[in-house]
Protein backbone atom coordinates (compact mmCIF):
# COMPACT_ATOMS: atom_id res chain seq x y z
CA UNK A 1 -15.35 53.83 -50.58
CA UNK A 2 -14.97 54.94 -46.90
CA UNK A 3 -15.04 50.95 -45.98
CA UNK A 4 -11.58 51.13 -48.29
CA UNK A 5 -10.09 54.03 -46.45
CA UNK A 6 -10.57 52.71 -43.21
CA UNK A 7 -9.06 49.46 -44.02
CA UNK A 8 -6.18 51.17 -46.06
CA UNK A 9 -5.45 53.18 -43.03
CA UNK A 10 -5.16 50.01 -40.88
CA UNK A 11 -3.09 47.74 -42.81
CA UNK A 12 0.32 47.13 -43.23
CA UNK A 13 1.51 47.42 -47.05
CA UNK A 14 1.75 43.51 -47.14
CA UNK A 15 -1.56 42.73 -45.88
CA UNK A 16 -2.79 45.41 -48.23
CA UNK A 17 -0.73 43.35 -50.88
CA UNK A 18 -2.16 40.25 -49.75
CA UNK A 19 -5.51 41.34 -50.21
CA UNK A 20 -5.17 42.90 -53.51
CA UNK A 21 -3.86 39.42 -54.42
CA UNK A 22 -6.69 37.44 -53.20
CA UNK A 23 -9.31 39.87 -54.95
CA UNK A 24 -7.38 39.24 -58.30
CA UNK A 25 -7.61 35.65 -57.50
CA UNK A 26 -11.35 35.90 -56.72
CA UNK A 27 -12.01 37.71 -59.98
CA UNK A 28 -9.93 35.48 -61.93
CA UNK A 29 -11.77 32.26 -60.55
CA UNK A 30 -15.06 33.95 -61.78
CA UNK A 31 -14.03 34.44 -65.18
CA UNK A 32 -12.22 31.26 -65.79
CA UNK A 33 -15.43 29.29 -66.51
CA UNK A 34 -16.36 28.13 -69.82
CA UNK A 35 -19.59 27.83 -71.53
CA UNK A 36 -19.92 26.36 -74.87
CA UNK A 37 -22.99 25.57 -77.76
CA UNK A 38 -23.18 23.50 -80.44
CA UNK A 39 -26.01 23.63 -82.96
CA UNK A 40 -25.94 20.04 -84.46
CA UNK A 41 -25.54 18.39 -80.96
CA UNK A 42 -26.19 19.71 -77.51
CA UNK A 43 -24.08 20.94 -74.73
CA UNK A 44 -25.56 22.79 -72.09
CA UNK A 45 -23.64 25.65 -70.60
CA UNK A 46 -21.98 23.99 -67.75
CA UNK A 47 -18.93 25.26 -65.80
CA UNK A 48 -15.68 23.86 -65.96
CA UNK A 49 -15.73 23.33 -62.38
CA UNK A 50 -18.57 20.59 -62.66
CA UNK A 51 -16.73 18.88 -65.41
CA UNK A 52 -13.68 19.02 -63.21
CA UNK A 53 -15.51 17.48 -60.18
CA UNK A 54 -17.41 14.79 -62.10
CA UNK A 55 -16.08 11.20 -61.51
CA UNK A 56 -17.18 9.92 -64.62
CA UNK A 57 -15.12 10.50 -67.90
CA UNK A 58 -16.27 11.00 -71.30
CA UNK A 59 -14.25 7.67 -72.01
CA UNK A 60 -16.39 5.65 -69.66
CA UNK A 61 -19.78 7.14 -71.11
CA UNK A 62 -18.53 6.02 -74.65
CA UNK A 63 -17.64 2.63 -73.42
CA UNK A 64 -20.96 2.42 -71.41
CA UNK A 65 -23.02 3.26 -74.50
CA UNK A 66 -21.04 0.69 -76.75
CA UNK A 67 -21.62 -1.82 -73.99
CA UNK A 68 -25.42 -1.12 -74.01
CA UNK A 69 -25.85 -1.12 -77.22
CA UNK A 70 -24.23 -4.62 -77.44
CA UNK A 71 -26.04 -6.18 -74.62
CA UNK A 72 -29.52 -4.94 -76.20
CA UNK A 73 -28.67 -6.31 -79.39
CA UNK A 74 -29.63 -9.63 -80.57
CA UNK A 75 -27.67 -11.18 -82.91
CA UNK A 76 -25.67 -7.91 -83.68
CA UNK A 77 -29.26 -6.22 -84.10
CA UNK A 78 -30.26 -3.42 -82.16
CA UNK A 79 -33.50 -2.53 -82.53
CA UNK A 80 -35.52 0.95 -82.60
CA UNK A 81 -38.77 1.81 -82.90
CA UNK A 82 -38.85 4.79 -85.46
CA UNK A 83 -41.56 6.73 -84.37
CA UNK A 84 -41.70 8.90 -87.31
CA UNK A 85 -42.47 5.83 -89.63
CA UNK A 86 -44.03 3.70 -87.19
CA UNK A 87 -41.44 1.27 -88.01
CA UNK A 88 -39.28 -1.06 -85.69
CA UNK A 89 -35.82 -0.73 -87.06
CA UNK A 90 -33.24 -3.36 -87.17
CA UNK A 91 -29.58 -1.48 -86.77
CA UNK A 92 -26.17 -2.79 -86.96
CA UNK A 93 -24.20 -0.90 -84.56
CA UNK A 94 -20.99 0.86 -86.45
CA UNK A 95 -19.52 3.66 -83.93
CA UNK A 96 -20.06 5.92 -81.42
CA UNK A 97 -19.00 9.63 -82.29
CA UNK A 98 -16.27 10.14 -79.60
CA UNK A 99 -15.83 13.71 -80.78
CA UNK A 100 -19.34 14.35 -80.05
CA UNK A 101 -19.53 13.21 -76.60
CA UNK A 102 -20.40 16.05 -74.46
CA UNK A 103 -21.62 16.64 -70.52
CA UNK A 104 -24.46 18.75 -71.06
CA UNK A 105 -24.84 19.25 -67.35
CA UNK A 106 -23.78 17.79 -64.06
CA UNK A 107 -23.89 13.82 -64.30
CA UNK A 108 -25.84 13.77 -67.73
CA UNK A 109 -23.96 13.15 -71.02
CA UNK A 110 -24.72 13.35 -74.75
CA UNK A 111 -23.62 10.69 -77.04
CA UNK A 112 -24.32 10.48 -81.07
CA UNK A 113 -24.19 6.92 -82.50
CA UNK A 114 -24.07 5.64 -86.10
CA UNK A 115 -26.04 2.23 -87.39
CA UNK A 116 -26.60 1.01 -90.78
CA UNK A 117 -30.05 -0.52 -90.95
CA UNK A 118 -31.22 -3.94 -92.54
CA UNK A 119 -32.95 -1.67 -94.97
CA UNK A 120 -30.07 -0.27 -96.41
CA UNK A 121 -30.14 3.22 -94.71
CA UNK A 122 -27.48 4.87 -92.30
CA UNK A 123 -29.07 6.08 -88.92
CA UNK A 124 -27.55 8.57 -86.35
CA UNK A 125 -29.22 8.19 -82.83
CA UNK A 126 -28.86 10.22 -79.97
CA UNK A 127 -28.63 9.32 -76.25
CA UNK A 128 -28.43 10.72 -73.06
CA UNK A 129 -26.56 8.86 -70.43
CA UNK A 130 -27.11 9.62 -66.54
CA UNK A 131 -24.90 8.98 -63.47
CA UNK A 132 -22.96 10.04 -60.61
CA UNK A 133 -20.14 7.20 -61.29
CA UNK A 134 -19.12 4.72 -63.93
CA UNK A 135 -20.97 1.82 -61.87
CA UNK A 136 -24.08 3.64 -61.92
CA UNK A 137 -24.58 4.76 -65.16
CA UNK A 138 -27.94 4.48 -66.98
CA UNK A 139 -29.53 5.26 -70.61
CA UNK A 140 -32.48 7.79 -71.05
CA UNK A 141 -34.17 4.86 -73.00
CA UNK A 142 -37.24 7.31 -73.91
CA UNK A 143 -34.68 10.05 -75.09
CA UNK A 144 -33.31 7.80 -77.79
CA UNK A 145 -34.04 9.56 -80.87
CA UNK A 146 -33.30 9.17 -84.47
CA UNK A 147 -31.43 12.55 -85.48
CA UNK A 148 -30.45 11.43 -89.24
CA UNK A 149 -31.30 9.17 -91.87
CA UNK A 150 -28.65 8.86 -94.56
CA UNK A 151 -27.18 12.16 -93.35
CA UNK A 152 -30.61 13.92 -93.81
CA UNK A 153 -31.27 15.72 -90.26
CA UNK A 154 -34.76 15.06 -88.81
CA UNK A 155 -33.97 17.58 -86.10
CA UNK A 156 -31.67 20.06 -85.06
CA UNK A 157 -30.51 21.39 -81.72
CA UNK A 158 -31.34 24.90 -80.43
CA UNK A 159 -30.62 26.38 -77.42
CA UNK A 160 -33.41 28.34 -75.49
CA UNK A 161 -31.71 30.98 -73.64
CA UNK A 162 -34.96 32.11 -71.68
CA UNK A 163 -34.95 28.33 -70.13
CA UNK A 164 -31.39 27.62 -70.18
CA UNK A 165 -31.80 24.30 -71.87
CA UNK A 166 -31.14 22.58 -75.58
CA UNK A 167 -34.62 22.08 -77.32
CA UNK A 168 -35.09 19.62 -80.56
CA UNK A 169 -36.44 21.88 -83.63
CA UNK A 170 -38.01 19.40 -86.17
CA UNK A 171 -36.36 20.39 -89.33
CA UNK A 172 -39.30 20.76 -92.31
CA UNK A 173 -38.77 18.95 -95.33
CA UNK A 174 -40.14 20.30 -98.50
CA UNK A 175 -42.67 18.27 -100.42
CA UNK A 176 -41.48 16.42 -103.67
CA UNK A 177 -42.99 18.17 -106.82
CA UNK A 178 -44.31 15.53 -109.64
CA UNK A 179 -41.96 15.81 -112.74
CA UNK A 180 -45.41 16.30 -114.94
CA UNK A 181 -47.53 18.70 -113.49
CA UNK A 182 -51.43 17.58 -113.70
CA UNK A 183 -52.00 20.64 -115.66
CA UNK A 184 -49.14 21.61 -118.29
CA UNK A 185 -48.63 25.02 -119.45
CA UNK A 186 -48.10 25.35 -122.95
CA UNK A 187 -44.70 26.61 -124.44
CA UNK A 188 -45.85 29.39 -125.78
CA UNK A 189 -46.68 32.93 -124.49
C-alpha cells in the first residue's frame, strides 16, 4: 500500500491513468484463457494462446489423418490389431469426425475416425497426431485404439486433475445371463 502512495504522489494524472489501463489489460489477458473438457473424447486444458500460435490447423490434421489411413491401406482395407479380441481387423475407412478434432496440448491433436469392418461391425478408432508444422506431422501408432464397436464404448475418457491429463477408463460390460437358468425356480410360493 505504501508503494502505491509513493507512486500516486510522483505520477502525473495521465501517467496514473496509463498505469491503470495497463493493469486492466494485464488482468484481462490472464482471464481470457479458456479451458475445455469432454467426456467422450479428450481435450486437455490448453490455453487459447497456444492454439493461436500453432502452425498447424485442425483441417491440416484431418487431411493428414485421412492421407495416413489411405497410404496405410491396401486395396482400400486398413488393418488394425484388436488387442481385446486378439484378431487382425480389416477395416474400410468411412470418415474422420471433424467435429471431434481437438488440440489436446501444444503440437498434439486428437482424432476420431469411423470404419466399417469386413466382419460387419462398425468401429470408432482414436488416433493421436503430433507435429509442429503440417510438413512434419506423424501418428502415434501405439496410441491407435478402438474406442467403440457398433456404438458401444470400450473405454471413456476421464480427466485426472491431479496429473493434469486425460486417461482412458475401461467401460465395464455386464455378463449376459442365460435365458434358462441351470436351476429353475418353481412358479408357486
